[in-house]
Full PDB file with SEQRES, HELIX, SHEET, SSBOND, CRYST1, ORIGX, SCALE, CONECT and MASTER records, all heavy atoms in Angstrom:
SEQRES   1 A   36  PRO ASN ASP GLY TRP SER ARG LEU TYR LEU ALA ASN LEU          
SEQRES   2 A   36  CYS TRP ARG LEU CYS ASP ASN ARG ALA ALA GLU ARG HIS          
SEQRES   3 A   36  TYR ILE ALA ALA ILE LYS ILE LEU PRO THR                      
HELIX    1 AA1 GLY A    4  ARG A   16  1                                  13    
HELIX    2 AA2 ASN A   20  ILE A   33  1                                  14    
CRYST1    1.000    1.000    1.000  90.00  90.00  90.00 P 1           1          
ORIGX1      1.000000  0.000000  0.000000        0.00000                         
ORIGX2      0.000000  1.000000  0.000000        0.00000                         
ORIGX3      0.000000  0.000000  1.000000        0.00000                         
SCALE1      1.000000  0.000000  0.000000        0.00000                         
SCALE2      0.000000  1.000000  0.000000        0.00000                         
SCALE3      0.000000  0.000000  1.000000        0.00000                         
ATOM      1  N   PRO A   1      16.858  23.913  29.248  1.00  0.00           N  
ATOM      2  CA  PRO A   1      17.774  24.603  30.163  1.00  0.00           C  
ATOM      3  C   PRO A   1      17.088  25.621  31.072  1.00  0.00           C  
ATOM      4  O   PRO A   1      17.643  25.992  32.108  1.00  0.00           O  
ATOM      5  CB  PRO A   1      18.766  25.290  29.211  1.00  0.00           C  
ATOM      6  CG  PRO A   1      18.054  25.371  27.903  1.00  0.00           C  
ATOM      7  CD  PRO A   1      17.150  24.187  27.838  1.00  0.00           C  
ATOM      8  N   ASN A   2      15.899  26.067  30.711  1.00  0.00           N  
ATOM      9  CA  ASN A   2      15.182  27.058  31.520  1.00  0.00           C  
ATOM     10  C   ASN A   2      14.077  26.449  32.378  1.00  0.00           C  
ATOM     11  O   ASN A   2      13.209  27.175  32.877  1.00  0.00           O  
ATOM     12  CB  ASN A   2      14.582  28.140  30.617  1.00  0.00           C  
ATOM     13  CG  ASN A   2      15.652  28.959  29.923  1.00  0.00           C  
ATOM     14  OD1 ASN A   2      16.673  29.287  30.523  1.00  0.00           O  
ATOM     15  ND2 ASN A   2      15.429  29.292  28.660  1.00  0.00           N  
ATOM     16  N   ASP A   3      14.117  25.129  32.555  1.00  0.00           N  
ATOM     17  CA  ASP A   3      13.148  24.462  33.436  1.00  0.00           C  
ATOM     18  C   ASP A   3      13.758  24.382  34.840  1.00  0.00           C  
ATOM     19  O   ASP A   3      14.645  23.570  35.106  1.00  0.00           O  
ATOM     20  CB  ASP A   3      12.818  23.068  32.900  1.00  0.00           C  
ATOM     21  CG  ASP A   3      11.798  22.353  33.779  1.00  0.00           C  
ATOM     22  OD1 ASP A   3      11.013  23.048  34.462  1.00  0.00           O  
ATOM     23  OD2 ASP A   3      11.794  21.115  33.807  1.00  0.00           O  
ATOM     24  N   GLY A   4      13.262  25.231  35.735  1.00  0.00           N  
ATOM     25  CA  GLY A   4      13.811  25.294  37.080  1.00  0.00           C  
ATOM     26  C   GLY A   4      13.607  24.029  37.879  1.00  0.00           C  
ATOM     27  O   GLY A   4      14.447  23.662  38.716  1.00  0.00           O  
ATOM     28  N   TRP A   5      12.490  23.328  37.649  1.00  0.00           N  
ATOM     29  CA  TRP A   5      12.216  22.096  38.399  1.00  0.00           C  
ATOM     30  C   TRP A   5      13.246  21.016  38.079  1.00  0.00           C  
ATOM     31  O   TRP A   5      13.705  20.299  38.975  1.00  0.00           O  
ATOM     32  CB  TRP A   5      10.811  21.595  38.106  1.00  0.00           C  
ATOM     33  CG  TRP A   5       9.755  22.393  38.784  1.00  0.00           C  
ATOM     34  CD1 TRP A   5       8.937  23.328  38.232  1.00  0.00           C  
ATOM     35  CD2 TRP A   5       9.410  22.345  40.178  1.00  0.00           C  
ATOM     36  NE1 TRP A   5       8.095  23.868  39.187  1.00  0.00           N  
ATOM     37  CE2 TRP A   5       8.361  23.282  40.380  1.00  0.00           C  
ATOM     38  CE3 TRP A   5       9.877  21.615  41.258  1.00  0.00           C  
ATOM     39  CZ2 TRP A   5       7.788  23.493  41.634  1.00  0.00           C  
ATOM     40  CZ3 TRP A   5       9.305  21.816  42.508  1.00  0.00           C  
ATOM     41  CH2 TRP A   5       8.275  22.749  42.682  1.00  0.00           C  
ATOM     42  N   SER A   6      13.636  20.903  36.802  1.00  0.00           N  
ATOM     43  CA  SER A   6      14.665  19.923  36.439  1.00  0.00           C  
ATOM     44  C   SER A   6      15.968  20.229  37.169  1.00  0.00           C  
ATOM     45  O   SER A   6      16.660  19.326  37.658  1.00  0.00           O  
ATOM     46  CB  SER A   6      14.900  19.935  34.923  1.00  0.00           C  
ATOM     47  OG  SER A   6      13.732  19.587  34.230  1.00  0.00           O  
ATOM     48  N   ARG A   7      16.304  21.505  37.243  1.00  0.00           N  
ATOM     49  CA  ARG A   7      17.519  21.910  37.953  1.00  0.00           C  
ATOM     50  C   ARG A   7      17.428  21.555  39.438  1.00  0.00           C  
ATOM     51  O   ARG A   7      18.406  21.098  40.044  1.00  0.00           O  
ATOM     52  CB  ARG A   7      17.709  23.422  37.806  1.00  0.00           C  
ATOM     53  CG  ARG A   7      18.016  23.871  36.407  1.00  0.00           C  
ATOM     54  CD  ARG A   7      19.463  23.662  36.064  1.00  0.00           C  
ATOM     55  NE  ARG A   7      19.769  24.182  34.741  1.00  0.00           N  
ATOM     56  CZ  ARG A   7      20.961  24.165  34.196  1.00  0.00           C  
ATOM     57  NH1 ARG A   7      21.980  23.638  34.867  1.00  0.00           N  
ATOM     58  NH2 ARG A   7      21.170  24.639  32.991  1.00  0.00           N  
ATOM     59  N   LEU A   8      16.253  21.784  40.025  1.00  0.00           N  
ATOM     60  CA  LEU A   8      16.086  21.491  41.447  1.00  0.00           C  
ATOM     61  C   LEU A   8      16.184  19.998  41.725  1.00  0.00           C  
ATOM     62  O   LEU A   8      16.847  19.577  42.677  1.00  0.00           O  
ATOM     63  CB  LEU A   8      14.746  22.036  41.920  1.00  0.00           C  
ATOM     64  CG  LEU A   8      14.464  21.985  43.422  1.00  0.00           C  
ATOM     65  CD1 LEU A   8      15.526  22.769  44.189  1.00  0.00           C  
ATOM     66  CD2 LEU A   8      13.080  22.533  43.725  1.00  0.00           C  
ATOM     67  N   TYR A   9      15.519  19.176  40.888  1.00  0.00           N  
ATOM     68  CA  TYR A   9      15.618  17.717  41.052  1.00  0.00           C  
ATOM     69  C   TYR A   9      17.084  17.270  40.936  1.00  0.00           C  
ATOM     70  O   TYR A   9      17.551  16.422  41.707  1.00  0.00           O  
ATOM     71  CB  TYR A   9      14.804  16.987  39.977  1.00  0.00           C  
ATOM     72  CG  TYR A   9      13.319  17.284  39.973  1.00  0.00           C  
ATOM     73  CD1 TYR A   9      12.582  17.208  38.784  1.00  0.00           C  
ATOM     74  CD2 TYR A   9      12.647  17.633  41.139  1.00  0.00           C  
ATOM     75  CE1 TYR A   9      11.230  17.463  38.770  1.00  0.00           C  
ATOM     76  CE2 TYR A   9      11.285  17.885  41.128  1.00  0.00           C  
ATOM     77  CZ  TYR A   9      10.583  17.811  39.937  1.00  0.00           C  
ATOM     78  OH  TYR A   9       9.240  18.067  39.917  1.00  0.00           O  
ATOM     79  N   LEU A  10      17.792  17.824  39.958  1.00  0.00           N  
ATOM     80  CA  LEU A  10      19.184  17.426  39.736  1.00  0.00           C  
ATOM     81  C   LEU A  10      20.067  17.857  40.905  1.00  0.00           C  
ATOM     82  O   LEU A  10      20.950  17.105  41.335  1.00  0.00           O  
ATOM     83  CB  LEU A  10      19.683  18.034  38.425  1.00  0.00           C  
ATOM     84  CG  LEU A  10      21.119  17.714  38.015  1.00  0.00           C  
ATOM     85  CD1 LEU A  10      21.361  16.214  37.962  1.00  0.00           C  
ATOM     86  CD2 LEU A  10      21.443  18.349  36.663  1.00  0.00           C  
ATOM     87  N   ALA A  11      19.827  19.039  41.442  1.00  0.00           N  
ATOM     88  CA  ALA A  11      20.611  19.506  42.588  1.00  0.00           C  
ATOM     89  C   ALA A  11      20.426  18.592  43.790  1.00  0.00           C  
ATOM     90  O   ALA A  11      21.394  18.213  44.460  1.00  0.00           O  
ATOM     91  CB  ALA A  11      20.199  20.939  42.936  1.00  0.00           C  
ATOM     92  N   ASN A  12      19.169  18.214  44.065  1.00  0.00           N  
ATOM     93  CA  ASN A  12      18.905  17.304  45.193  1.00  0.00           C  
ATOM     94  C   ASN A  12      19.610  15.965  45.003  1.00  0.00           C  
ATOM     95  O   ASN A  12      20.148  15.390  45.953  1.00  0.00           O  
ATOM     96  CB  ASN A  12      17.402  17.091  45.344  1.00  0.00           C  
ATOM     97  CG  ASN A  12      16.691  18.319  45.873  1.00  0.00           C  
ATOM     98  OD1 ASN A  12      17.285  19.158  46.533  1.00  0.00           O  
ATOM     99  ND2 ASN A  12      15.411  18.440  45.585  1.00  0.00           N  
ATOM    100  N   LEU A  13      19.602  15.466  43.760  1.00  0.00           N  
ATOM    101  CA  LEU A  13      20.235  14.170  43.498  1.00  0.00           C  
ATOM    102  C   LEU A  13      21.755  14.268  43.612  1.00  0.00           C  
ATOM    103  O   LEU A  13      22.404  13.361  44.159  1.00  0.00           O  
ATOM    104  CB  LEU A  13      19.831  13.669  42.103  1.00  0.00           C  
ATOM    105  CG  LEU A  13      20.266  12.250  41.756  1.00  0.00           C  
ATOM    106  CD1 LEU A  13      19.667  11.237  42.734  1.00  0.00           C  
ATOM    107  CD2 LEU A  13      19.862  11.898  40.328  1.00  0.00           C  
ATOM    108  N   CYS A  14      22.338  15.359  43.116  1.00  0.00           N  
ATOM    109  CA  CYS A  14      23.793  15.531  43.236  1.00  0.00           C  
ATOM    110  C   CYS A  14      24.202  15.588  44.705  1.00  0.00           C  
ATOM    111  O   CYS A  14      25.266  15.074  45.083  1.00  0.00           O  
ATOM    112  CB  CYS A  14      24.232  16.796  42.503  1.00  0.00           C  
ATOM    113  SG  CYS A  14      24.178  16.674  40.703  1.00  0.00           S  
ATOM    114  N   TRP A  15      23.382  16.208  45.528  1.00  0.00           N  
ATOM    115  CA  TRP A  15      23.665  16.240  46.970  1.00  0.00           C  
ATOM    116  C   TRP A  15      23.682  14.826  47.535  1.00  0.00           C  
ATOM    117  O   TRP A  15      24.573  14.445  48.301  1.00  0.00           O  
ATOM    118  CB  TRP A  15      22.621  17.114  47.661  1.00  0.00           C  
ATOM    119  CG  TRP A  15      22.817  17.278  49.140  1.00  0.00           C  
ATOM    120  CD1 TRP A  15      23.884  16.891  49.887  1.00  0.00           C  
ATOM    121  CD2 TRP A  15      21.905  17.875  50.063  1.00  0.00           C  
ATOM    122  NE1 TRP A  15      23.702  17.207  51.212  1.00  0.00           N  
ATOM    123  CE2 TRP A  15      22.503  17.811  51.352  1.00  0.00           C  
ATOM    124  CE3 TRP A  15      20.647  18.463  49.935  1.00  0.00           C  
ATOM    125  CZ2 TRP A  15      21.867  18.303  52.481  1.00  0.00           C  
ATOM    126  CZ3 TRP A  15      20.030  18.964  51.072  1.00  0.00           C  
ATOM    127  CH2 TRP A  15      20.634  18.883  52.326  1.00  0.00           C  
ATOM    128  N   ARG A  16      22.691  14.004  47.136  1.00  0.00           N  
ATOM    129  CA  ARG A  16      22.652  12.616  47.600  1.00  0.00           C  
ATOM    130  C   ARG A  16      23.884  11.851  47.154  1.00  0.00           C  
ATOM    131  O   ARG A  16      24.370  10.968  47.872  1.00  0.00           O  
ATOM    132  CB  ARG A  16      21.392  11.912  47.082  1.00  0.00           C  
ATOM    133  CG  ARG A  16      20.113  12.351  47.747  1.00  0.00           C  
ATOM    134  CD  ARG A  16      18.918  11.642  47.145  1.00  0.00           C  
ATOM    135  NE  ARG A  16      19.005  10.198  47.305  1.00  0.00           N  
ATOM    136  CZ  ARG A  16      18.181   9.346  46.710  1.00  0.00           C  
ATOM    137  NH1 ARG A  16      17.228   9.787  45.912  1.00  0.00           N  
ATOM    138  NH2 ARG A  16      18.308   8.043  46.914  1.00  0.00           N  
ATOM    139  N   LEU A  17      24.397  12.176  45.964  1.00  0.00           N  
ATOM    140  CA  LEU A  17      25.575  11.485  45.427  1.00  0.00           C  
ATOM    141  C   LEU A  17      26.879  12.107  45.926  1.00  0.00           C  
ATOM    142  O   LEU A  17      27.963  11.730  45.449  1.00  0.00           O  
ATOM    143  CB  LEU A  17      25.533  11.507  43.897  1.00  0.00           C  
ATOM    144  CG  LEU A  17      24.442  10.650  43.251  1.00  0.00           C  
ATOM    145  CD1 LEU A  17      24.324  10.969  41.769  1.00  0.00           C  
ATOM    146  CD2 LEU A  17      24.739   9.166  43.446  1.00  0.00           C  
ATOM    147  N   CYS A  18      26.770  13.075  46.866  1.00  0.00           N  
ATOM    148  CA  CYS A  18      27.929  13.725  47.478  1.00  0.00           C  
ATOM    149  C   CYS A  18      28.747  14.552  46.495  1.00  0.00           C  
ATOM    150  O   CYS A  18      29.930  14.846  46.749  1.00  0.00           O  
ATOM    151  CB  CYS A  18      28.841  12.691  48.164  1.00  0.00           C  
ATOM    152  SG  CYS A  18      27.997  11.770  49.470  1.00  0.00           S  
ATOM    153  N   ASP A  19      28.144  14.943  45.375  1.00  0.00           N  
ATOM    154  CA  ASP A  19      28.795  15.866  44.448  1.00  0.00           C  
ATOM    155  C   ASP A  19      28.321  17.271  44.810  1.00  0.00           C  
ATOM    156  O   ASP A  19      27.452  17.854  44.144  1.00  0.00           O  
ATOM    157  CB  ASP A  19      28.437  15.512  43.005  1.00  0.00           C  
ATOM    158  CG  ASP A  19      29.260  16.294  41.994  1.00  0.00           C  
ATOM    159  OD1 ASP A  19      29.952  17.255  42.409  1.00  0.00           O  
ATOM    160  OD2 ASP A  19      29.208  15.972  40.792  1.00  0.00           O  
ATOM    161  N   ASN A  20      28.895  17.813  45.872  1.00  0.00           N  
ATOM    162  CA  ASN A  20      28.389  19.064  46.442  1.00  0.00           C  
ATOM    163  C   ASN A  20      28.623  20.265  45.532  1.00  0.00           C  
ATOM    164  O   ASN A  20      27.815  21.198  45.520  1.00  0.00           O  
ATOM    165  CB  ASN A  20      29.029  19.309  47.805  1.00  0.00           C  
ATOM    166  CG  ASN A  20      28.662  18.227  48.801  1.00  0.00           C  
ATOM    167  OD1 ASN A  20      27.569  17.669  48.757  1.00  0.00           O  
ATOM    168  ND2 ASN A  20      29.583  17.897  49.690  1.00  0.00           N  
ATOM    169  N   ARG A  21      29.699  20.248  44.790  1.00  0.00           N  
ATOM    170  CA  ARG A  21      29.967  21.371  43.892  1.00  0.00           C  
ATOM    171  C   ARG A  21      28.895  21.458  42.808  1.00  0.00           C  
ATOM    172  O   ARG A  21      28.366  22.539  42.533  1.00  0.00           O  
ATOM    173  CB  ARG A  21      31.354  21.215  43.268  1.00  0.00           C  
ATOM    174  CG  ARG A  21      31.771  22.383  42.401  1.00  0.00           C  
ATOM    175  CD  ARG A  21      33.190  22.225  41.899  1.00  0.00           C  
ATOM    176  NE  ARG A  21      34.139  22.222  43.001  1.00  0.00           N  
ATOM    177  CZ  ARG A  21      35.454  22.065  42.841  1.00  0.00           C  
ATOM    178  NH1 ARG A  21      35.964  21.902  41.635  1.00  0.00           N  
ATOM    179  NH2 ARG A  21      36.252  22.074  43.898  1.00  0.00           N  
ATOM    180  N   ALA A  22      28.564  20.310  42.208  1.00  0.00           N  
ATOM    181  CA  ALA A  22      27.508  20.303  41.177  1.00  0.00           C  
ATOM    182  C   ALA A  22      26.157  20.639  41.787  1.00  0.00           C  
ATOM    183  O   ALA A  22      25.350  21.357  41.185  1.00  0.00           O  
ATOM    184  CB  ALA A  22      27.462  18.933  40.497  1.00  0.00           C  
ATOM    185  N   ALA A  23      25.907  20.138  42.997  1.00  0.00           N  
ATOM    186  CA  ALA A  23      24.625  20.419  43.656  1.00  0.00           C  
ATOM    187  C   ALA A  23      24.447  21.915  43.855  1.00  0.00           C  
ATOM    188  O   ALA A  23      23.387  22.476  43.538  1.00  0.00           O  
ATOM    189  CB  ALA A  23      24.561  19.687  44.997  1.00  0.00           C  
ATOM    190  N   GLU A  24      25.493  22.585  44.363  1.00  0.00           N  
ATOM    191  CA  GLU A  24      25.369  24.027  44.597  1.00  0.00           C  
ATOM    192  C   GLU A  24      25.161  24.776  43.292  1.00  0.00           C  
ATOM    193  O   GLU A  24      24.363  25.717  43.224  1.00  0.00           O  
ATOM    194  CB  GLU A  24      26.612  24.541  45.318  1.00  0.00           C  
ATOM    195  CG  GLU A  24      26.513  26.010  45.680  1.00  0.00           C  
ATOM    196  CD  GLU A  24      27.506  26.435  46.735  1.00  0.00           C  
ATOM    197  OE1 GLU A  24      28.519  25.719  46.907  1.00  0.00           O  
ATOM    198  OE2 GLU A  24      27.268  27.467  47.388  1.00  0.00           O  
ATOM    199  N   ARG A  25      25.855  24.364  42.246  1.00  0.00           N  
ATOM    200  CA  ARG A  25      25.707  25.023  40.950  1.00  0.00           C  
ATOM    201  C   ARG A  25      24.262  24.929  40.444  1.00  0.00           C  
ATOM    202  O   ARG A  25      23.694  25.919  39.962  1.00  0.00           O  
ATOM    203  CB  ARG A  25      26.669  24.395  39.937  1.00  0.00           C  
ATOM    204  CG  ARG A  25      26.661  25.096  38.583  1.00  0.00           C  
ATOM    205  CD  ARG A  25      27.723  24.538  37.667  1.00  0.00           C  
ATOM    206  NE  ARG A  25      27.422  23.196  37.192  1.00  0.00           N  
ATOM    207  CZ  ARG A  25      28.056  22.099  37.579  1.00  0.00           C  
ATOM    208  NH1 ARG A  25      29.029  22.173  38.472  1.00  0.00           N  
ATOM    209  NH2 ARG A  25      27.742  20.917  37.099  1.00  0.00           N  
ATOM    210  N   HIS A  26      23.662  23.757  40.587  1.00  0.00           N  
ATOM    211  CA  HIS A  26      22.291  23.585  40.094  1.00  0.00           C  
ATOM    212  C   HIS A  26      21.266  24.264  41.009  1.00  0.00           C  
ATOM    213  O   HIS A  26      20.231  24.735  40.536  1.00  0.00           O  
ATOM    214  CB  HIS A  26      21.981  22.094  39.936  1.00  0.00           C  
ATOM    215  CG  HIS A  26      22.733  21.447  38.813  1.00  0.00           C  
ATOM    216  ND1 HIS A  26      22.602  21.840  37.507  1.00  0.00           N  
ATOM    217  CD2 HIS A  26      23.660  20.435  38.816  1.00  0.00           C  
ATOM    218  CE1 HIS A  26      23.396  21.103  36.732  1.00  0.00           C  
ATOM    219  NE2 HIS A  26      24.036  20.250  37.507  1.00  0.00           N  
ATOM    220  N   TYR A  27      21.528  24.313  42.320  1.00  0.00           N  
ATOM    221  CA  TYR A  27      20.629  25.059  43.216  1.00  0.00           C  
ATOM    222  C   TYR A  27      20.599  26.536  42.817  1.00  0.00           C  
ATOM    223  O   TYR A  27      19.525  27.153  42.743  1.00  0.00           O  
ATOM    224  CB  TYR A  27      21.092  24.928  44.668  1.00  0.00           C  
ATOM    225  CG  TYR A  27      20.639  23.671  45.361  1.00  0.00           C  
ATOM    226  CD1 TYR A  27      21.554  22.845  46.017  1.00  0.00           C  
ATOM    227  CD2 TYR A  27      19.289  23.305  45.383  1.00  0.00           C  
ATOM    228  CE1 TYR A  27      21.143  21.689  46.667  1.00  0.00           C  
ATOM    229  CE2 TYR A  27      18.875  22.152  46.028  1.00  0.00           C  
ATOM    230  CZ  TYR A  27      19.802  21.342  46.661  1.00  0.00           C  
ATOM    231  OH  TYR A  27      19.391  20.198  47.299  1.00  0.00           O  
ATOM    232  N   ILE A  28      21.768  27.101  42.567  1.00  0.00           N  
ATOM    233  CA  ILE A  28      21.841  28.517  42.188  1.00  0.00           C  
ATOM    234  C   ILE A  28      21.123  28.742  40.856  1.00  0.00           C  
ATOM    235  O   ILE A  28      20.399  29.738  40.682  1.00  0.00           O  
ATOM    236  CB  ILE A  28      23.308  28.971  42.126  1.00  0.00           C  
ATOM    237  CG1 ILE A  28      23.908  28.955  43.539  1.00  0.00           C  
ATOM    238  CG2 ILE A  28      23.428  30.362  41.509  1.00  0.00           C  
ATOM    239  CD1 ILE A  28      25.407  29.166  43.575  1.00  0.00           C  
ATOM    240  N   ALA A  29      21.300  27.810  39.900  1.00  0.00           N  
ATOM    241  CA  ALA A  29      20.616  27.933  38.609  1.00  0.00           C  
ATOM    242  C   ALA A  29      19.106  27.863  38.783  1.00  0.00           C  
ATOM    243  O   ALA A  29      18.354  28.617  38.150  1.00  0.00           O  
ATOM    244  CB  ALA A  29      21.101  26.835  37.659  1.00  0.00           C  
ATOM    245  N   ALA A  30      18.634  26.957  39.661  1.00  0.00           N  
ATOM    246  CA  ALA A  30      17.195  26.829  39.900  1.00  0.00           C  
ATOM    247  C   ALA A  30      16.629  28.118  40.494  1.00  0.00           C  
ATOM    248  O   ALA A  30      15.535  28.556  40.128  1.00  0.00           O  
ATOM    249  CB  ALA A  30      16.917  25.649  40.829  1.00  0.00           C  
ATOM    250  N   ILE A  31      17.376  28.739  41.419  1.00  0.00           N  
ATOM    251  CA  ILE A  31      16.911  29.981  42.040  1.00  0.00           C  
ATOM    252  C   ILE A  31      16.868  31.111  41.013  1.00  0.00           C  
ATOM    253  O   ILE A  31      15.948  31.940  41.022  1.00  0.00           O  
ATOM    254  CB  ILE A  31      17.804  30.343  43.237  1.00  0.00           C  
ATOM    255  CG1 ILE A  31      17.555  29.355  44.383  1.00  0.00           C  
ATOM    256  CG2 ILE A  31      17.552  31.769  43.713  1.00  0.00           C  
ATOM    257  CD1 ILE A  31      18.530  29.475  45.527  1.00  0.00           C  
ATOM    258  N   LYS A  32      17.829  31.139  40.092  1.00  0.00           N  
ATOM    259  CA  LYS A  32      17.822  32.173  39.054  1.00  0.00           C  
ATOM    260  C   LYS A  32      16.626  32.004  38.116  1.00  0.00           C  
ATOM    261  O   LYS A  32      16.038  32.988  37.663  1.00  0.00           O  
ATOM    262  CB  LYS A  32      19.129  32.113  38.254  1.00  0.00           C  
ATOM    263  CG  LYS A  32      20.330  32.644  39.016  1.00  0.00           C  
ATOM    264  CD  LYS A  32      21.588  32.572  38.168  1.00  0.00           C  
ATOM    265  CE  LYS A  32      22.785  33.126  38.932  1.00  0.00           C  
ATOM    266  NZ  LYS A  32      24.037  33.011  38.133  1.00  0.00           N  
ATOM    267  N   ILE A  33      16.264  30.754  37.829  1.00  0.00           N  
ATOM    268  CA  ILE A  33      15.138  30.505  36.922  1.00  0.00           C  
ATOM    269  C   ILE A  33      13.804  30.709  37.640  1.00  0.00           C  
ATOM    270  O   ILE A  33      12.853  31.260  37.069  1.00  0.00           O  
ATOM    271  CB  ILE A  33      15.229  29.071  36.345  1.00  0.00           C  
ATOM    272  CG1 ILE A  33      16.496  28.906  35.512  1.00  0.00           C  
ATOM    273  CG2 ILE A  33      14.001  28.753  35.490  1.00  0.00           C  
ATOM    274  CD1 ILE A  33      16.822  27.468  35.159  1.00  0.00           C  
ATOM    275  N   LEU A  34      13.718  30.260  38.901  1.00  0.00           N  
ATOM    276  CA  LEU A  34      12.474  30.361  39.676  1.00  0.00           C  
ATOM    277  C   LEU A  34      12.725  31.173  40.956  1.00  0.00           C  
ATOM    278  O   LEU A  34      12.654  30.638  42.059  1.00  0.00           O  
ATOM    279  CB  LEU A  34      11.962  28.958  40.024  1.00  0.00           C  
ATOM    280  CG  LEU A  34      11.620  28.034  38.859  1.00  0.00           C  
ATOM    281  CD1 LEU A  34      11.336  26.631  39.351  1.00  0.00           C  
ATOM    282  CD2 LEU A  34      10.427  28.563  38.084  1.00  0.00           C  
ATOM    283  N   PRO A  35      13.004  32.466  40.823  1.00  0.00           N  
ATOM    284  CA  PRO A  35      13.354  33.257  42.017  1.00  0.00           C  
ATOM    285  C   PRO A  35      12.193  33.474  42.973  1.00  0.00           C  
ATOM    286  O   PRO A  35      12.412  33.807  44.138  1.00  0.00           O  
ATOM    287  CB  PRO A  35      13.830  34.588  41.423  1.00  0.00           C  
ATOM    288  CG  PRO A  35      13.150  34.674  40.096  1.00  0.00           C  
ATOM    289  CD  PRO A  35      13.033  33.268  39.601  1.00  0.00           C  
ATOM    290  N   THR A  36      10.965  33.308  42.503  1.00  0.00           N  
ATOM    291  CA  THR A  36       9.800  33.549  43.372  1.00  0.00           C  
ATOM    292  C   THR A  36       9.166  32.251  43.864  1.00  0.00           C  
ATOM    293  O   THR A  36       8.039  32.272  44.356  1.00  0.00           O  
ATOM    294  CB  THR A  36       8.738  34.381  42.616  1.00  0.00           C  
ATOM    295  OG1 THR A  36       8.336  33.684  41.425  1.00  0.00           O  
ATOM    296  CG2 THR A  36       9.292  35.741  42.238  1.00  0.00           C  
TER     297      THR A  36                                                      
MASTER        0    0    0    2    0    0    0    6  296    1    0    3          
END                                                                             
């Protein structure tokens, strides 16, 4: 759950699948894990 790269990959894929709500949730999680 604390692997930011997995979150980022998943967010990009959710965007491709047009699940924008899930994509935004995972983008925010990725930024919290990898803020720098």
